[in-house]
C-alpha cells in the first residue's frame, strides 16, 4: 500500500503537533513543509526532518501531495483552505475554518 503524501503549512504552535501525530499513522508520509518564506521553510524542514521545504504556492503545485494540513494563524485559514481545495487537495485545518458565515458559505459552494 502506498503512503498518502501530506504537506503541512505553518510551524508555529500547532504545526509540529500535527507533524508528530501524522508520523504515528502508518499510511501517511509528511513530505513537504510550507512557511511564510523559503528560508524559514528550509530551516524548519531541516529541524523537523521533512524532505521538502516550500512556499504555499509551490506546495499547491506538488502533484503528489494529496492532503494539506493548515496550521497557520486563524486569519489565514480561509484563503489557504480555499486555495488548497481549488488546487484539488484535501484539507485538514485547525479551527476556525472561516472567520464568518460568508466565508464558510463560500467554502462549501
C-alpha atoms as a PDB file:
ATOM      1  CA  UNK A   1       0.000   0.000   0.000  1.00  0.00           C
ATOM      2  CA  UNK A   2       1.420   3.361  -0.977  1.00  0.00           C
ATOM      3  CA  UNK A   3       1.542   6.121   1.593  1.00  0.00           C
ATOM      4  CA  UNK A   4      -0.584   9.262   1.423  1.00  0.00           C
ATOM      5  CA  UNK A   5       1.723  12.229   0.962  1.00  0.00           C
ATOM      6  CA  UNK A   6       0.935  15.248   3.101  1.00  0.00           C
ATOM      7  CA  UNK A   7       2.149  18.837   3.265  1.00  0.00           C
ATOM      8  CA  UNK A   8       1.979  20.961   6.411  1.00  0.00           C
ATOM      9  CA  UNK A   9       1.553  24.734   6.295  1.00  0.00           C
ATOM     10  CA  UNK A  10       2.906  26.558   9.338  1.00  0.00           C
ATOM     11  CA  UNK A  11       5.265  25.557  12.117  1.00  0.00           C
ATOM     12  CA  UNK A  12       4.156  27.776  14.949  1.00  0.00           C
ATOM     13  CA  UNK A  13       2.484  26.259  17.989  1.00  0.00           C
ATOM     14  CA  UNK A  14       0.307  23.586  16.357  1.00  0.00           C
ATOM     15  CA  UNK A  15       2.221  22.629  13.185  1.00  0.00           C
ATOM     16  CA  UNK A  16       4.792  20.426  14.929  1.00  0.00           C
ATOM     17  CA  UNK A  17       1.959  18.725  16.862  1.00  0.00           C
ATOM     18  CA  UNK A  18       0.270  17.838  13.553  1.00  0.00           C
ATOM     19  CA  UNK A  19       3.552  16.535  12.168  1.00  0.00           C
ATOM     20  CA  UNK A  20       4.133  14.356  15.235  1.00  0.00           C
ATOM     21  CA  UNK A  21       0.596  12.959  15.071  1.00  0.00           C
ATOM     22  CA  UNK A  22       0.825  12.299  11.327  1.00  0.00           C
ATOM     23  CA  UNK A  23       4.092  10.418  11.765  1.00  0.00           C
ATOM     24  CA  UNK A  24       2.320   7.952  14.059  1.00  0.00           C
ATOM     25  CA  UNK A  25      -0.011   6.884  11.251  1.00  0.00           C
ATOM     26  CA  UNK A  26       1.333   4.008   9.171  1.00  0.00           C
ATOM     27  CA  UNK A  27      -0.132   5.117   5.834  1.00  0.00           C
ATOM     28  CA  UNK A  28       0.841   8.819   5.991  1.00  0.00           C
ATOM     29  CA  UNK A  29       4.105  10.458   4.971  1.00  0.00           C
ATOM     30  CA  UNK A  30       4.782  14.136   5.703  1.00  0.00           C
ATOM     31  CA  UNK A  31       6.916  15.135   2.711  1.00  0.00           C
ATOM     32  CA  UNK A  32       6.581  18.922   2.487  1.00  0.00           C
ATOM     33  CA  UNK A  33       6.648  21.868   4.849  1.00  0.00           C
ATOM     34  CA  UNK A  34       5.481  25.345   3.925  1.00  0.00           C
ATOM     35  CA  UNK A  35       6.291  28.572   5.715  1.00  0.00           C
ATOM     36  CA  UNK A  36       5.964  32.311   5.069  1.00  0.00           C
ATOM     37  CA  UNK A  37       9.235  32.344   3.132  1.00  0.00           C
ATOM     38  CA  UNK A  38      11.564  29.734   1.716  1.00  0.00           C
ATOM     39  CA  UNK A  39      14.368  30.493   4.184  1.00  0.00           C
ATOM     40  CA  UNK A  40      12.168  29.798   7.196  1.00  0.00           C
ATOM     41  CA  UNK A  41      10.665  26.753   5.482  1.00  0.00           C
ATOM     42  CA  UNK A  42      14.141  25.359   4.777  1.00  0.00           C
ATOM     43  CA  UNK A  43      15.259  25.875   8.357  1.00  0.00           C
ATOM     44  CA  UNK A  44      12.119  24.356   9.885  1.00  0.00           C
ATOM     45  CA  UNK A  45      12.063  21.426   7.445  1.00  0.00           C
ATOM     46  CA  UNK A  46      15.648  20.569   8.398  1.00  0.00           C
ATOM     47  CA  UNK A  47      14.816  20.779  12.122  1.00  0.00           C
ATOM     48  CA  UNK A  48      11.764  18.547  11.718  1.00  0.00           C
ATOM     49  CA  UNK A  49      13.293  16.074   9.267  1.00  0.00           C
ATOM     50  CA  UNK A  50      10.983  16.868   6.357  1.00  0.00           C
ATOM     51  CA  UNK A  51      12.453  16.400   2.881  1.00  0.00           C
ATOM     52  CA  UNK A  52      10.868  19.344   1.022  1.00  0.00           C
ATOM     53  CA  UNK A  53      10.701  22.988   2.048  1.00  0.00           C
ATOM     54  CA  UNK A  54       8.440  25.257   0.034  1.00  0.00           C
ATOM     55  CA  UNK A  55       6.219  28.283  -0.197  1.00  0.00           C
ATOM     56  CA  UNK A  56       2.444  27.891  -0.191  1.00  0.00           C
ATOM     57  CA  UNK A  57       2.149  28.275  -3.962  1.00  0.00           C
ATOM     58  CA  UNK A  58       4.864  25.672  -4.510  1.00  0.00           C
ATOM     59  CA  UNK A  59       3.072  23.269  -2.174  1.00  0.00           C
ATOM     60  CA  UNK A  60      -0.161  23.580  -4.125  1.00  0.00           C
ATOM     61  CA  UNK A  61       1.672  22.747  -7.350  1.00  0.00           C
ATOM     62  CA  UNK A  62       3.071  19.467  -5.993  1.00  0.00           C
ATOM     63  CA  UNK A  63       1.091  16.759  -7.769  1.00  0.00           C
ATOM     64  CA  UNK A  64       1.941  14.019  -5.272  1.00  0.00           C
ATOM     65  CA  UNK A  65       0.617  15.941  -2.251  1.00  0.00           C
ATOM     66  CA  UNK A  66      -2.863  14.603  -1.521  1.00  0.00           C
ATOM     67  CA  UNK A  67      -3.639  16.451   1.707  1.00  0.00           C
ATOM     68  CA  UNK A  68      -2.641  19.791   3.192  1.00  0.00           C
ATOM     69  CA  UNK A  69      -2.684  20.469   6.924  1.00  0.00           C
ATOM     70  CA  UNK A  70      -3.197  24.176   7.580  1.00  0.00           C
ATOM     71  CA  UNK A  71      -1.613  25.170  10.885  1.00  0.00           C
ATOM     72  CA  UNK A  72      -1.266  28.919  10.408  1.00  0.00           C
ATOM     73  CA  UNK A  73      -2.827  31.833  12.318  1.00  0.00           C
ATOM     74  CA  UNK A  74      -6.627  31.991  12.123  1.00  0.00           C
ATOM     75  CA  UNK A  75      -6.833  34.878   9.645  1.00  0.00           C
ATOM     76  CA  UNK A  76      -5.045  32.734   7.034  1.00  0.00           C
ATOM     77  CA  UNK A  77      -7.273  29.665   7.358  1.00  0.00           C
ATOM     78  CA  UNK A  78      -9.961  30.706   4.895  1.00  0.00           C
ATOM     79  CA  UNK A  79      -7.777  31.895   1.994  1.00  0.00           C
ATOM     80  CA  UNK A  80      -5.372  28.984   2.380  1.00  0.00           C
ATOM     81  CA  UNK A  81      -8.130  26.381   2.726  1.00  0.00           C
ATOM     82  CA  UNK A  82      -9.930  27.760  -0.307  1.00  0.00           C
ATOM     83  CA  UNK A  83      -6.754  27.804  -2.409  1.00  0.00           C
ATOM     84  CA  UNK A  84      -5.860  24.250  -1.397  1.00  0.00           C
ATOM     85  CA  UNK A  85      -9.360  22.976  -2.166  1.00  0.00           C
ATOM     86  CA  UNK A  86      -9.327  24.711  -5.550  1.00  0.00           C
ATOM     87  CA  UNK A  87      -5.963  23.038  -6.227  1.00  0.00           C
ATOM     88  CA  UNK A  88      -7.640  19.664  -5.675  1.00  0.00           C
ATOM     89  CA  UNK A  89      -6.118  18.938  -2.276  1.00  0.00           C
ATOM     90  CA  UNK A  90      -7.848  17.505   0.763  1.00  0.00           C
ATOM     91  CA  UNK A  91      -7.658  19.953   3.666  1.00  0.00           C
ATOM     92  CA  UNK A  92      -7.258  19.476   7.389  1.00  0.00           C
ATOM     93  CA  UNK A  93      -7.466  22.852   9.079  1.00  0.00           C
ATOM     94  CA  UNK A  94      -7.052  23.994  12.640  1.00  0.00           C
ATOM     95  CA  UNK A  95     -10.144  25.768  13.868  1.00  0.00           C
ATOM     96  CA  UNK A  96     -11.698  28.052  12.762  1.00  0.00           C
ATOM     97  CA  UNK A  97     -12.009  27.221   9.079  1.00  0.00           C
ATOM     98  CA  UNK A  98     -13.551  30.637   8.342  1.00  0.00           C
ATOM     99  CA  UNK A  99     -13.963  33.864  10.306  1.00  0.00           C
ATOM    100  CA  UNK A 100     -17.633  34.381   9.468  1.00  0.00           C
ATOM    101  CA  UNK A 101     -20.655  32.790   7.801  1.00  0.00           C
ATOM    102  CA  UNK A 102     -19.927  34.455   4.451  1.00  0.00           C
ATOM    103  CA  UNK A 103     -16.503  32.799   4.200  1.00  0.00           C
ATOM    104  CA  UNK A 104     -17.878  29.467   5.383  1.00  0.00           C
ATOM    105  CA  UNK A 105     -20.618  29.512   2.747  1.00  0.00           C
ATOM    106  CA  UNK A 106     -18.051  30.255   0.032  1.00  0.00           C
ATOM    107  CA  UNK A 107     -16.019  27.208   1.027  1.00  0.00           C
ATOM    108  CA  UNK A 108     -18.928  24.836   0.554  1.00  0.00           C
ATOM    109  CA  UNK A 109     -20.330  26.486  -2.574  1.00  0.00           C
END
